Amino acid sequence: MNLETILNTLAVPLEADGLEFSLTPFPNTRVIAWNRATHTNVPSEATNEQVLDISEQVQKAQLDIISSHMRTCIAKGDTKRVTSEWVGKTFPQPVLQDLANYFATGTKPKWAGELGN
């Protein structure tokens, strides 16, 4: 079995805002970037404002990584439309969490069901 066949069995088709995706898990380099972005140390003496700022930075980094990956998975549509802002506005938080988990671990979201190739 070749790599393309394996990836297609993992792919999750998704349509959003006129764009079509064949989503696959992150490659190793993106997993590393994701882990680096999401495992930010918060100093124990950080103020609430500092914690909020760190949280916002992590969220922005996550959206940047997700949108960059989604651009590589686009099957139909304009890749330029897939930005961090677009991803954040288009998908509800629970869907974003499912997508992030799928991209980082390869575990298909429950809503994907038997979809896929």
PDB file of N, CA and C in Angstrom:
ATOM      1  N   MET A   1       0.859  -1.171   0.000  1.00  0.00           N
ATOM      2  CA  MET A   1       0.000   0.000   0.000  1.00  0.00           C
ATOM      3  C   MET A   1       0.902   1.230   0.000  1.00  0.00           C
ATOM      4  N   ASN A   2       0.609   2.171  -0.897  1.00  0.00           N
ATOM      5  CA  ASN A   2       1.455   3.367  -0.959  1.00  0.00           C
ATOM      6  C   ASN A   2       0.954   4.443   0.004  1.00  0.00           C
ATOM      7  N   LEU A   3       1.781   5.433   0.219  1.00  0.00           N
ATOM      8  CA  LEU A   3       1.479   6.494   1.187  1.00  0.00           C
ATOM      9  C   LEU A   3       0.196   7.230   0.840  1.00  0.00           C
ATOM     10  N   GLU A   4      -0.017   7.526  -0.429  1.00  0.00           N
ATOM     11  CA  GLU A   4      -1.236   8.252  -0.842  1.00  0.00           C
ATOM     12  C   GLU A   4      -2.492   7.468  -0.457  1.00  0.00           C
ATOM     13  N   THR A   5      -2.471   6.149  -0.636  1.00  0.00           N
ATOM     14  CA  THR A   5      -3.616   5.309  -0.287  1.00  0.00           C
ATOM     15  C   THR A   5      -3.859   5.355   1.218  1.00  0.00           C
ATOM     16  N   ILE A   6      -2.801   5.276   1.977  1.00  0.00           N
ATOM     17  CA  ILE A   6      -2.928   5.331   3.445  1.00  0.00           C
ATOM     18  C   ILE A   6      -3.509   6.678   3.863  1.00  0.00           C
ATOM     19  N   LEU A   7      -2.973   7.764   3.318  1.00  0.00           N
ATOM     20  CA  LEU A   7      -3.476   9.092   3.681  1.00  0.00           C
ATOM     21  C   LEU A   7      -4.941   9.256   3.293  1.00  0.00           C
ATOM     22  N   ASN A   8      -5.344   8.708   2.162  1.00  0.00           N
ATOM     23  CA  ASN A   8      -6.741   8.818   1.750  1.00  0.00           C
ATOM     24  C   ASN A   8      -7.678   8.078   2.689  1.00  0.00           C
ATOM     25  N   THR A   9      -7.213   7.011   3.334  1.00  0.00           N
ATOM     26  CA  THR A   9      -8.075   6.312   4.291  1.00  0.00           C
ATOM     27  C   THR A   9      -8.232   7.129   5.562  1.00  0.00           C
ATOM     28  N   LEU A  10      -7.296   8.020   5.824  1.00  0.00           N
ATOM     29  CA  LEU A  10      -7.375   8.884   6.995  1.00  0.00           C
ATOM     30  C   LEU A  10      -8.088  10.199   6.701  1.00  0.00           C
ATOM     31  N   ALA A  11      -8.244  10.537   5.430  1.00  0.00           N
ATOM     32  CA  ALA A  11      -8.772  11.843   5.041  1.00  0.00           C
ATOM     33  C   ALA A  11     -10.211  12.044   5.481  1.00  0.00           C
ATOM     34  N   VAL A  12     -10.497  13.261   5.893  1.00  0.00           N
ATOM     35  CA  VAL A  12     -11.850  13.672   6.263  1.00  0.00           C
ATOM     36  C   VAL A  12     -12.283  14.739   5.267  1.00  0.00           C
ATOM     37  N   PRO A  13     -13.326  14.445   4.472  1.00  0.00           N
ATOM     38  CA  PRO A  13     -13.812  15.477   3.553  1.00  0.00           C
ATOM     39  C   PRO A  13     -14.581  16.530   4.334  1.00  0.00           C
ATOM     40  N   LEU A  14     -14.421  17.766   3.957  1.00  0.00           N
ATOM     41  CA  LEU A  14     -15.097  18.856   4.651  1.00  0.00           C
ATOM     42  C   LEU A  14     -15.380  19.959   3.652  1.00  0.00           C
ATOM     43  N   GLU A  15     -16.596  20.472   3.686  1.00  0.00           N
ATOM     44  CA  GLU A  15     -16.963  21.625   2.870  1.00  0.00           C
ATOM     45  C   GLU A  15     -17.309  22.762   3.812  1.00  0.00           C
ATOM     46  N   ALA A  16     -16.796  23.935   3.507  1.00  0.00           N
ATOM     47  CA  ALA A  16     -17.076  25.111   4.326  1.00  0.00           C
ATOM     48  C   ALA A  16     -16.967  26.353   3.464  1.00  0.00           C
ATOM     49  N   ASP A  17     -18.014  27.148   3.467  1.00  0.00           N
ATOM     50  CA  ASP A  17     -17.982  28.450   2.809  1.00  0.00           C
ATOM     51  C   ASP A  17     -17.555  28.351   1.335  1.00  0.00           C
ATOM     52  N   GLY A  18     -18.045  27.320   0.652  1.00  0.00           N
ATOM     53  CA  GLY A  18     -17.736  27.149  -0.758  1.00  0.00           C
ATOM     54  C   GLY A  18     -16.380  26.522  -1.046  1.00  0.00           C
ATOM     55  N   LEU A  19     -15.650  26.129  -0.032  1.00  0.00           N
ATOM     56  CA  LEU A  19     -14.348  25.479  -0.200  1.00  0.00           C
ATOM     57  C   LEU A  19     -14.482  24.004   0.158  1.00  0.00           C
ATOM     58  N   GLU A  20     -13.743  23.173  -0.527  1.00  0.00           N
ATOM     59  CA  GLU A  20     -13.750  21.742  -0.239  1.00  0.00           C
ATOM     60  C   GLU A  20     -12.354  21.314   0.190  1.00  0.00           C
ATOM     61  N   PHE A  21     -12.316  20.498   1.242  1.00  0.00           N
ATOM     62  CA  PHE A  21     -11.054  20.025   1.802  1.00  0.00           C
ATOM     63  C   PHE A  21     -11.039  18.507   1.854  1.00  0.00           C
ATOM     64  N   SER A  22      -9.863  17.952   1.753  1.00  0.00           N
ATOM     65  CA  SER A  22      -9.612  16.552   2.048  1.00  0.00           C
ATOM     66  C   SER A  22      -8.572  16.589   3.165  1.00  0.00           C
ATOM     67  N   LEU A  23      -9.063  16.669   4.382  1.00  0.00           N
ATOM     68  CA  LEU A  23      -8.206  16.921   5.533  1.00  0.00           C
ATOM     69  C   LEU A  23      -7.463  15.656   5.957  1.00  0.00           C
ATOM     70  N   THR A  24      -6.194  15.811   6.230  1.00  0.00           N
ATOM     71  CA  THR A  24      -5.347  14.725   6.711  1.00  0.00           C
ATOM     72  C   THR A  24      -4.627  15.204   7.973  1.00  0.00           C
ATOM     73  N   PRO A  25      -4.138  14.265   8.780  1.00  0.00           N
ATOM     74  CA  PRO A  25      -3.396  14.667   9.977  1.00  0.00           C
ATOM     75  C   PRO A  25      -2.137  15.472   9.628  1.00  0.00           C
ATOM     76  N   PHE A  26      -1.644  16.198  10.625  1.00  0.00           N
ATOM     77  CA  PHE A  26      -0.420  16.975  10.464  1.00  0.00           C
ATOM     78  C   PHE A  26       0.758  16.062  10.127  1.00  0.00           C
ATOM     79  N   PRO A  27       1.681  16.558   9.294  1.00  0.00           N
ATOM     80  CA  PRO A  27       2.968  15.863   9.171  1.00  0.00           C
ATOM     81  C   PRO A  27       3.767  16.123  10.456  1.00  0.00           C
ATOM     82  N   ASN A  28       4.819  15.380  10.648  1.00  0.00           N
ATOM     83  CA  ASN A  28       5.614  15.487  11.880  1.00  0.00           C
ATOM     84  C   ASN A  28       6.075  16.900  12.184  1.00  0.00           C
ATOM     85  N   THR A  29       6.475  17.653  11.161  1.00  0.00           N
ATOM     86  CA  THR A  29       6.974  19.009  11.419  1.00  0.00           C
ATOM     87  C   THR A  29       5.880  19.901  12.002  1.00  0.00           C
ATOM     88  N   ARG A  30       4.641  19.717  11.551  1.00  0.00           N
ATOM     89  CA  ARG A  30       3.546  20.526  12.104  1.00  0.00           C
ATOM     90  C   ARG A  30       3.164  20.046  13.495  1.00  0.00           C
ATOM     91  N   VAL A  31       3.276  18.761  13.757  1.00  0.00           N
ATOM     92  CA  VAL A  31       3.012  18.262  15.115  1.00  0.00           C
ATOM     93  C   VAL A  31       3.995  18.910  16.086  1.00  0.00           C
ATOM     94  N   ILE A  32       5.240  18.989  15.689  1.00  0.00           N
ATOM     95  CA  ILE A  32       6.257  19.621  16.536  1.00  0.00           C
ATOM     96  C   ILE A  32       5.926  21.089  16.762  1.00  0.00           C
ATOM     97  N   ALA A  33       5.562  21.797  15.684  1.00  0.00           N
ATOM     98  CA  ALA A  33       5.190  23.215  15.817  1.00  0.00           C
ATOM     99  C   ALA A  33       3.958  23.367  16.696  1.00  0.00           C
ATOM    100  N   TRP A  34       2.975  22.480  16.530  1.00  0.00           N
ATOM    101  CA  TRP A  34       1.752  22.519  17.330  1.00  0.00           C
ATOM    102  C   TRP A  34       2.080  22.326  18.809  1.00  0.00           C
ATOM    103  N   ASN A  35       2.888  21.325  19.107  1.00  0.00           N
ATOM    104  CA  ASN A  35       3.248  21.058  20.504  1.00  0.00           C
ATOM    105  C   ASN A  35       4.015  22.226  21.109  1.00  0.00           C
ATOM    106  N   ARG A  36       4.894  22.814  20.331  1.00  0.00           N
ATOM    107  CA  ARG A  36       5.651  23.966  20.816  1.00  0.00           C
ATOM    108  C   ARG A  36       4.717  25.139  21.113  1.00  0.00           C
ATOM    109  N   ALA A  37       3.748  25.367  20.220  1.00  0.00           N
ATOM    110  CA  ALA A  37       2.825  26.499  20.383  1.00  0.00           C
ATOM    111  C   ALA A  37       1.859  26.293  21.537  1.00  0.00           C
ATOM    112  N   THR A  38       1.413  25.066  21.738  1.00  0.00           N
ATOM    113  CA  THR A  38       0.364  24.832  22.734  1.00  0.00           C
ATOM    114  C   THR A  38       0.886  24.518  24.127  1.00  0.00           C
ATOM    115  N   HIS A  39       2.145  24.212  24.235  1.00  0.00           N
ATOM    116  CA  HIS A  39       2.697  23.906  25.553  1.00  0.00           C
ATOM    117  C   HIS A  39       3.557  25.054  26.065  1.00  0.00           C
ATOM    118  N   THR A  40       2.945  26.219  26.102  1.00  0.00           N
ATOM    119  CA  THR A  40       3.626  27.414  26.569  1.00  0.00           C
ATOM    120  C   THR A  40       3.606  27.441  28.100  1.00  0.00           C
ATOM    121  N   ASN A  41       4.744  27.706  28.684  1.00  0.00           N
ATOM    122  CA  ASN A  41       4.828  27.803  30.142  1.00  0.00           C
ATOM    123  C   ASN A  41       4.310  29.162  30.604  1.00  0.00           C
ATOM    124  N   VAL A  42       3.437  29.105  31.597  1.00  0.00           N
ATOM    125  CA  VAL A  42       2.910  30.329  32.202  1.00  0.00           C
ATOM    126  C   VAL A  42       3.586  30.469  33.566  1.00  0.00           C
ATOM    127  N   PRO A  43       4.300  31.559  33.769  1.00  0.00           N
ATOM    128  CA  PRO A  43       4.954  31.747  35.067  1.00  0.00           C
ATOM    129  C   PRO A  43       3.927  31.748  36.202  1.00  0.00           C
ATOM    130  N   SER A  44       4.290  31.145  37.320  1.00  0.00           N
ATOM    131  CA  SER A  44       3.363  31.056  38.453  1.00  0.00           C
ATOM    132  C   SER A  44       2.999  32.432  39.003  1.00  0.00           C
ATOM    133  N   GLU A  45       3.857  33.421  38.794  1.00  0.00           N
ATOM    134  CA  GLU A  45       3.578  34.768  39.298  1.00  0.00           C
ATOM    135  C   GLU A  45       2.880  35.647  38.251  1.00  0.00           C
ATOM    136  N   ALA A  46       2.447  35.054  37.153  1.00  0.00           N
ATOM    137  CA  ALA A  46       1.800  35.831  36.086  1.00  0.00           C
ATOM    138  C   ALA A  46       0.481  36.415  36.565  1.00  0.00           C
ATOM    139  N   THR A  47       0.223  37.638  36.154  1.00  0.00           N
ATOM    140  CA  THR A  47      -1.046  38.296  36.473  1.00  0.00           C
ATOM    141  C   THR A  47      -2.128  37.755  35.540  1.00  0.00           C
ATOM    142  N   ASN A  48      -3.378  38.029  35.877  1.00  0.00           N
ATOM    143  CA  ASN A  48      -4.484  37.603  35.017  1.00  0.00           C
ATOM    144  C   ASN A  48      -4.332  38.179  33.617  1.00  0.00           C
ATOM    145  N   GLU A  49      -3.895  39.423  33.539  1.00  0.00           N
ATOM    146  CA  GLU A  49      -3.696  40.067  32.238  1.00  0.00           C
ATOM    147  C   GLU A  49      -2.608  39.347  31.431  1.00  0.00           C
ATOM    148  N   GLN A  50      -1.530  38.961  32.097  1.00  0.00           N
ATOM    149  CA  GLN A  50      -0.452  38.242  31.418  1.00  0.00           C
ATOM    150  C   GLN A  50      -0.922  36.857  30.960  1.00  0.00           C
ATOM    151  N   VAL A  51      -1.692  36.178  31.786  1.00  0.00           N
ATOM    152  CA  VAL A  51      -2.229  34.869  31.424  1.00  0.00           C
ATOM    153  C   VAL A  51      -3.149  34.991  30.213  1.00  0.00           C
ATOM    154  N   LEU A  52      -3.990  36.019  30.204  1.00  0.00           N
ATOM    155  CA  LEU A  52      -4.879  36.261  29.074  1.00  0.00           C
ATOM    156  C   LEU A  52      -4.078  36.547  27.807  1.00  0.00           C
ATOM    157  N   ASP A  53      -3.017  37.341  27.926  1.00  0.00           N
ATOM    158  CA  ASP A  53      -2.168  37.653  26.775  1.00  0.00           C
ATOM    159  C   ASP A  53      -1.501  36.388  26.237  1.00  0.00           C
ATOM    160  N   ILE A  54      -0.986  35.551  27.115  1.00  0.00           N
ATOM    161  CA  ILE A  54      -0.361  34.293  26.699  1.00  0.00           C
ATOM    162  C   ILE A  54      -1.401  33.398  26.027  1.00  0.00           C
ATOM    163  N   SER A  55      -2.578  33.335  26.587  1.00  0.00           N
ATOM    164  CA  SER A  55      -3.660  32.526  26.017  1.00  0.00           C
ATOM    165  C   SER A  55      -4.018  33.001  24.609  1.00  0.00           C
ATOM    166  N   GLU A  56      -4.089  34.293  24.419  1.00  0.00           N
ATOM    167  CA  GLU A  56      -4.390  34.852  23.096  1.00  0.00           C
ATOM    168  C   GLU A  56      -3.274  34.547  22.100  1.00  0.00           C
ATOM    169  N   GLN A  57      -2.026  34.601  22.552  1.00  0.00           N
ATOM    170  CA  GLN A  57      -0.894  34.277  21.682  1.00  0.00           C
ATOM    171  C   GLN A  57      -0.924  32.811  21.261  1.00  0.00           C
ATOM    172  N   VAL A  58      -1.260  31.934  22.214  1.00  0.00           N
ATOM    173  CA  VAL A  58      -1.366  30.504  21.913  1.00  0.00           C
ATOM    174  C   VAL A  58      -2.485  30.263  20.904  1.00  0.00           C
ATOM    175  N   GLN A  59      -3.633  30.901  21.136  1.00  0.00           N
ATOM    176  CA  GLN A  59      -4.762  30.726  20.222  1.00  0.00           C
ATOM    177  C   GLN A  59      -4.409  31.208  18.818  1.00  0.00           C
ATOM    178  N   LYS A  60      -3.726  32.335  18.707  1.00  0.00           N
ATOM    179  CA  LYS A  60      -3.319  32.846  17.392  1.00  0.00           C
ATOM    180  C   LYS A  60      -2.356  31.876  16.725  1.00  0.00           C
ATOM    181  N   ALA A  61      -1.395  31.361  17.473  1.00  0.00           N
ATOM    182  CA  ALA A  61      -0.439  30.402  16.913  1.00  0.00           C
ATOM    183  C   ALA A  61      -1.159  29.141  16.440  1.00  0.00           C
ATOM    184  N   GLN A  62      -2.127  28.681  17.217  1.00  0.00           N
ATOM    185  CA  GLN A  62      -2.892  27.493  16.829  1.00  0.00           C
ATOM    186  C   GLN A  62      -3.664  27.743  15.534  1.00  0.00           C
ATOM    187  N   LEU A  63      -4.344  28.878  15.448  1.00  0.00           N
ATOM    188  CA  LEU A  63      -5.091  29.195  14.231  1.00  0.00           C
ATOM    189  C   LEU A  63      -4.166  29.340  13.022  1.00  0.00           C
ATOM    190  N   ASP A  64      -2.977  29.890  13.234  1.00  0.00           N
ATOM    191  CA  ASP A  64      -2.001  30.000  12.146  1.00  0.00           C
ATOM    192  C   ASP A  64      -1.600  28.614  11.635  1.00  0.00           C
ATOM    193  N   ILE A  65      -1.342  27.705  12.554  1.00  0.00           N
ATOM    194  CA  ILE A  65      -0.927  26.349  12.176  1.00  0.00           C
ATOM    195  C   ILE A  65      -2.074  25.610  11.493  1.00  0.00           C
ATOM    196  N   ILE A  66      -3.277  25.716  12.049  1.00  0.00           N
ATOM    197  CA  ILE A  66      -4.442  25.050  11.459  1.00  0.00           C
ATOM    198  C   ILE A  66      -4.715  25.586  10.058  1.00  0.00           C
ATOM    199  N   SER A  67      -4.717  26.902   9.906  1.00  0.00           N
ATOM    200  CA  SER A  67      -5.020  27.477   8.587  1.00  0.00           C
ATOM    201  C   SER A  67      -3.942  27.111   7.572  1.00  0.00           C
ATOM    202  N   SER A  68      -2.691  27.120   7.980  1.00  0.00           N
ATOM    203  CA  SER A  68      -1.609  26.738   7.076  1.00  0.00           C
ATOM    204  C   SER A  68      -1.789  25.293   6.614  1.00  0.00           C
ATOM    205  N   HIS A  69      -2.133  24.426   7.540  1.00  0.00           N
ATOM    206  CA  HIS A  69      -2.343  23.017   7.179  1.00  0.00           C
ATOM    207  C   HIS A  69      -3.568  22.855   6.285  1.00  0.00           C
ATOM    208  N   MET A  70      -4.633  23.560   6.600  1.00  0.00           N
ATOM    209  CA  MET A  70      -5.855  23.445   5.802  1.00  0.00           C
ATOM    210  C   MET A  70      -5.618  23.913   4.365  1.00  0.00           C
ATOM    211  N   ARG A  71      -4.758  24.898   4.186  1.00  0.00           N
ATOM    212  CA  ARG A  71      -4.437  25.342   2.819  1.00  0.00           C
ATOM    213  C   ARG A  71      -3.809  24.212   2.011  1.00  0.00           C
ATOM    214  N   THR A  72      -3.002  23.369   2.665  1.00  0.00           N
ATOM    215  CA  THR A  72      -2.378  22.251   1.952  1.00  0.00           C
ATOM    216  C   THR A  72      -3.376  21.132   1.674  1.00  0.00           C
ATOM    217  N   CYS A  73      -4.513  21.138   2.358  1.00  0.00           N
ATOM    218  CA  CYS A  73      -5.519  20.082   2.210  1.00  0.00           C
ATOM    219  C   CYS A  73      -6.688  20.497   1.317  1.00  0.00           C
ATOM    220  N   ILE A  74      -6.629  21.689   0.751  1.00  0.00           N
ATOM    221  CA  ILE A  74      -7.767  22.165  -0.036  1.00  0.00           C
ATOM    222  C   ILE A  74      -7.884  21.343  -1.322  1.00  0.00           C
ATOM    223  N   ALA A  75      -9.103  20.892  -1.595  1.00  0.00           N
ATOM    224  CA  ALA A  75      -9.369  20.097  -2.792  1.00  0.00           C
ATOM    225  C   ALA A  75     -10.006  20.951  -3.883  1.00  0.00           C
ATOM    226  N   LYS A  76     -10.770  21.964  -3.464  1.00  0.00           N
ATOM    227  CA  LYS A  76     -11.432  22.825  -4.441  1.00  0.00           C
ATOM    228  C   LYS A  76     -11.688  24.184  -3.809  1.00  0.00           C
ATOM    229  N   GLY A  77     -11.214  25.213  -4.487  1.00  0.00           N
ATOM    230  CA  GLY A  77     -11.420  26.568  -3.989  1.00  0.00           C
ATOM    231  C   GLY A  77     -10.116  27.336  -3.916  1.00  0.00           C
ATOM    232  N   ASP A  78     -10.229  28.587  -3.514  1.00  0.00           N
ATOM    233  CA  ASP A  78      -9.103  29.504  -3.466  1.00  0.00           C
ATOM    234  C   ASP A  78      -8.367  29.375  -2.138  1.00  0.00           C
ATOM    235  N   THR A  79      -7.138  28.882  -2.177  1.00  0.00           N
ATOM    236  CA  THR A  79      -6.356  28.705  -0.956  1.00  0.00           C
ATOM    237  C   THR A  79      -6.107  30.016  -0.219  1.00  0.00           C
ATOM    238  N   LYS A  80      -6.098  31.135  -0.954  1.00  0.00           N
ATOM    239  CA  LYS A  80      -5.835  32.437  -0.327  1.00  0.00           C
ATOM    240  C   LYS A  80      -6.919  32.811   0.680  1.00  0.00           C
ATOM    241  N   ARG A  81      -8.109  32.244   0.536  1.00  0.00           N
ATOM    242  CA  ARG A  81      -9.201  32.543   1.465  1.00  0.00           C
ATOM    243  C   ARG A  81      -8.998  31.894   2.834  1.00  0.00           C
ATOM    244  N   VAL A  82      -8.186  30.850   2.888  1.00  0.00           N
ATOM    245  CA  VAL A  82      -8.003  30.089   4.128  1.00  0.00           C
ATOM    246  C   VAL A  82      -6.930  30.761   4.974  1.00  0.00           C
ATOM    247  N   THR A  83      -7.380  31.674   5.807  1.00  0.00           N
ATOM    248  CA  THR A  83      -6.494  32.405   6.710  1.00  0.00           C
ATOM    249  C   THR A  83      -6.856  32.061   8.142  1.00  0.00           C
ATOM    250  N   SER A  84      -6.027  32.470   9.064  1.00  0.00           N
ATOM    251  CA  SER A  84      -6.325  32.268  10.485  1.00  0.00           C
ATOM    252  C   SER A  84      -7.653  32.911  10.859  1.00  0.00           C
ATOM    253  N   GLU A  85      -7.863  34.114  10.361  1.00  0.00           N
ATOM    254  CA  GLU A  85      -9.102  34.829  10.660  1.00  0.00           C
ATOM    255  C   GLU A  85     -10.307  34.071  10.100  1.00  0.00           C
ATOM    256  N   TRP A  86     -10.194  33.584   8.868  1.00  0.00           N
ATOM    257  CA  TRP A  86     -11.283  32.845   8.241  1.00  0.00           C
ATOM    258  C   TRP A  86     -11.603  31.578   9.035  1.00  0.00           C
ATOM    259  N   VAL A  87     -10.583  30.831   9.416  1.00  0.00           N
ATOM    260  CA  VAL A  87     -10.779  29.601  10.185  1.00  0.00           C
ATOM    261  C   VAL A  87     -11.481  29.920  11.497  1.00  0.00           C
ATOM    262  N   GLY A  88     -11.008  30.957  12.202  1.00  0.00           N
ATOM    263  CA  GLY A  88     -11.589  31.331  13.488  1.00  0.00           C
ATOM    264  C   GLY A  88     -13.042  31.774  13.387  1.00  0.00           C
ATOM    265  N   LYS A  89     -13.397  32.436  12.291  1.00  0.00           N
ATOM    266  CA  LYS A  89     -14.775  32.914  12.115  1.00  0.00           C
ATOM    267  C   LYS A  89     -15.694  31.842  11.538  1.00  0.00           C
ATOM    268  N   THR A  90     -15.161  30.921  10.756  1.00  0.00           N
ATOM    269  CA  THR A  90     -15.977  29.949  10.042  1.00  0.00           C
ATOM    270  C   THR A  90     -16.383  28.766  10.906  1.00  0.00           C
ATOM    271  N   PHE A  91     -15.501  28.304  11.755  1.00  0.00           N
ATOM    272  CA  PHE A  91     -15.766  27.081  12.513  1.00  0.00           C
ATOM    273  C   PHE A  91     -16.064  27.385  13.978  1.00  0.00           C
ATOM    274  N   PRO A  92     -17.144  26.782  14.498  1.00  0.00           N
ATOM    275  CA  PRO A  92     -17.431  26.931  15.930  1.00  0.00           C
ATOM    276  C   PRO A  92     -16.310  26.287  16.761  1.00  0.00           C
ATOM    277  N   GLN A  93     -16.150  26.731  17.971  1.00  0.00           N
ATOM    278  CA  GLN A  93     -15.069  26.255  18.841  1.00  0.00           C
ATOM    279  C   GLN A  93     -15.039  24.727  18.975  1.00  0.00           C
ATOM    280  N   PRO A  94     -16.179  24.049  19.173  1.00  0.00           N
ATOM    281  CA  PRO A  94     -16.104  22.581  19.278  1.00  0.00           C
ATOM    282  C   PRO A  94     -15.566  21.912  18.007  1.00  0.00           C
ATOM    283  N   VAL A  95     -15.902  22.439  16.847  1.00  0.00           N
ATOM    284  CA  VAL A  95     -15.396  21.885  15.589  1.00  0.00           C
ATOM    285  C   VAL A  95     -13.901  22.157  15.481  1.00  0.00           C
ATOM    286  N   LEU A  96     -13.473  23.355  15.857  1.00  0.00           N
ATOM    287  CA  LEU A  96     -12.038  23.675  15.841  1.00  0.00           C
ATOM    288  C   LEU A  96     -11.259  22.736  16.760  1.00  0.00           C
ATOM    289  N   GLN A  97     -11.823  22.457  17.927  1.00  0.00           N
ATOM    290  CA  GLN A  97     -11.155  21.546  18.858  1.00  0.00           C
ATOM    291  C   GLN A  97     -11.047  20.147  18.261  1.00  0.00           C
ATOM    292  N   ASP A  98     -12.137  19.678  17.622  1.00  0.00           N
ATOM    293  CA  ASP A  98     -12.104  18.370  16.968  1.00  0.00           C
ATOM    294  C   ASP A  98     -11.076  18.344  15.840  1.00  0.00           C
ATOM    295  N   LEU A  99     -11.051  19.409  15.033  1.00  0.00           N
ATOM    296  CA  LEU A  99     -10.084  19.481  13.942  1.00  0.00           C
ATOM    297  C   LEU A  99      -8.652  19.489  14.478  1.00  0.00           C
ATOM    298  N   ALA A 100      -8.404  20.279  15.498  1.00  0.00           N
ATOM    299  CA  ALA A 100      -7.059  20.353  16.080  1.00  0.00           C
ATOM    300  C   ALA A 100      -6.632  18.983  16.599  1.00  0.00           C
ATOM    301  N   ASN A 101      -7.540  18.294  17.278  1.00  0.00           N
ATOM    302  CA  ASN A 101      -7.232  16.962  17.794  1.00  0.00           C
ATOM    303  C   ASN A 101      -6.953  15.996  16.645  1.00  0.00           C
ATOM    304  N   TYR A 102      -7.779  16.050  15.600  1.00  0.00           N
ATOM    305  CA  TYR A 102      -7.572  15.186  14.440  1.00  0.00           C
ATOM    306  C   TYR A 102      -6.241  15.481  13.759  1.00  0.00           C
ATOM    307  N   PHE A 103      -5.958  16.765  13.532  1.00  0.00           N
ATOM    308  CA  PHE A 103      -4.708  17.127  12.871  1.00  0.00           C
ATOM    309  C   PHE A 103      -3.491  16.664  13.679  1.00  0.00           C
ATOM    310  N   ALA A 104      -3.554  16.837  15.006  1.00  0.00           N
ATOM    311  CA  ALA A 104      -2.401  16.533  15.854  1.00  0.00           C
ATOM    312  C   ALA A 104      -2.255  15.050  16.177  1.00  0.00           C
ATOM    313  N   THR A 105      -3.387  14.314  16.255  1.00  0.00           N
ATOM    314  CA  THR A 105      -3.301  12.914  16.690  1.00  0.00           C
ATOM    315  C   THR A 105      -3.746  11.902  15.642  1.00  0.00           C
ATOM    316  N   GLY A 106      -4.498  12.342  14.628  1.00  0.00           N
ATOM    317  CA  GLY A 106      -5.013  11.416  13.629  1.00  0.00           C
ATOM    318  C   GLY A 106      -6.331  10.776  14.018  1.00  0.00           C
ATOM    319  N   THR A 107      -6.878  11.156  15.187  1.00  0.00           N
ATOM    320  CA  THR A 107      -8.153  10.614  15.644  1.00  0.00           C
ATOM    321  C   THR A 107      -9.289  11.367  14.968  1.00  0.00           C
ATOM    322  N   LYS A 108     -10.059  10.655  14.116  1.00  0.00           N
ATOM    323  CA  LYS A 108     -11.141  11.298  13.387  1.00  0.00           C
ATOM    324  C   LYS A 108     -12.208  11.801  14.344  1.00  0.00           C
ATOM    325  N   PRO A 109     -12.756  12.987  14.060  1.00  0.00           N
ATOM    326  CA  PRO A 109     -13.848  13.509  14.877  1.00  0.00           C
ATOM    327  C   PRO A 109     -15.080  12.595  14.764  1.00  0.00           C
ATOM    328  N   LYS A 110     -15.863  12.526  15.813  1.00  0.00           N
ATOM    329  CA  LYS A 110     -17.078  11.698  15.793  1.00  0.00           C
ATOM    330  C   LYS A 110     -18.026  12.158  14.699  1.00  0.00           C
ATOM    331  N   TRP A 111     -18.079  13.462  14.434  1.00  0.00           N
ATOM    332  CA  TRP A 111     -18.986  13.960  13.424  1.00  0.00           C
ATOM    333  C   TRP A 111     -18.578  13.552  12.017  1.00  0.00           C
ATOM    334  N   ALA A 112     -17.330  13.090  11.849  1.00  0.00           N
ATOM    335  CA  ALA A 112     -16.896  12.636  10.531  1.00  0.00           C
ATOM    336  C   ALA A 112     -17.495  11.270  10.214  1.00  0.00           C
ATOM    337  N   GLY A 113     -17.886  10.525  11.248  1.00  0.00           N
ATOM    338  CA  GLY A 113     -18.548   9.238  11.063  1.00  0.00           C
ATOM    339  C   GLY A 113     -17.802   8.351  10.096  1.00  0.00           C
ATOM    340  N   GLU A 114     -18.539   7.809   9.175  1.00  0.00           N
ATOM    341  CA  GLU A 114     -17.969   6.910   8.173  1.00  0.00           C
ATOM    342  C   GLU A 114     -17.553   7.672   6.928  1.00  0.00           C
ATOM    343  N   LEU A 115     -17.498   8.996   7.030  1.00  0.00           N
ATOM    344  CA  LEU A 115     -17.054   9.786   5.882  1.00  0.00           C
ATOM    345  C   LEU A 115     -15.599   9.461   5.599  1.00  0.00           C
ATOM    346  N   GLY A 116     -15.154   9.826   4.484  1.00  0.00           N
ATOM    347  CA  GLY A 116     -13.767   9.599   4.108  1.00  0.00           C
ATOM    348  C   GLY A 116     -13.722   8.722   2.884  1.00  0.00           C
ATOM    349  N   ASN A 117     -12.544   8.463   2.436  1.00  0.00           N
ATOM    350  CA  ASN A 117     -12.390   7.707   1.201  1.00  0.00           C
ATOM    351  C   ASN A 117     -12.291   6.229   1.477  1.00  0.00           C
TER     352      ASN A 117
END
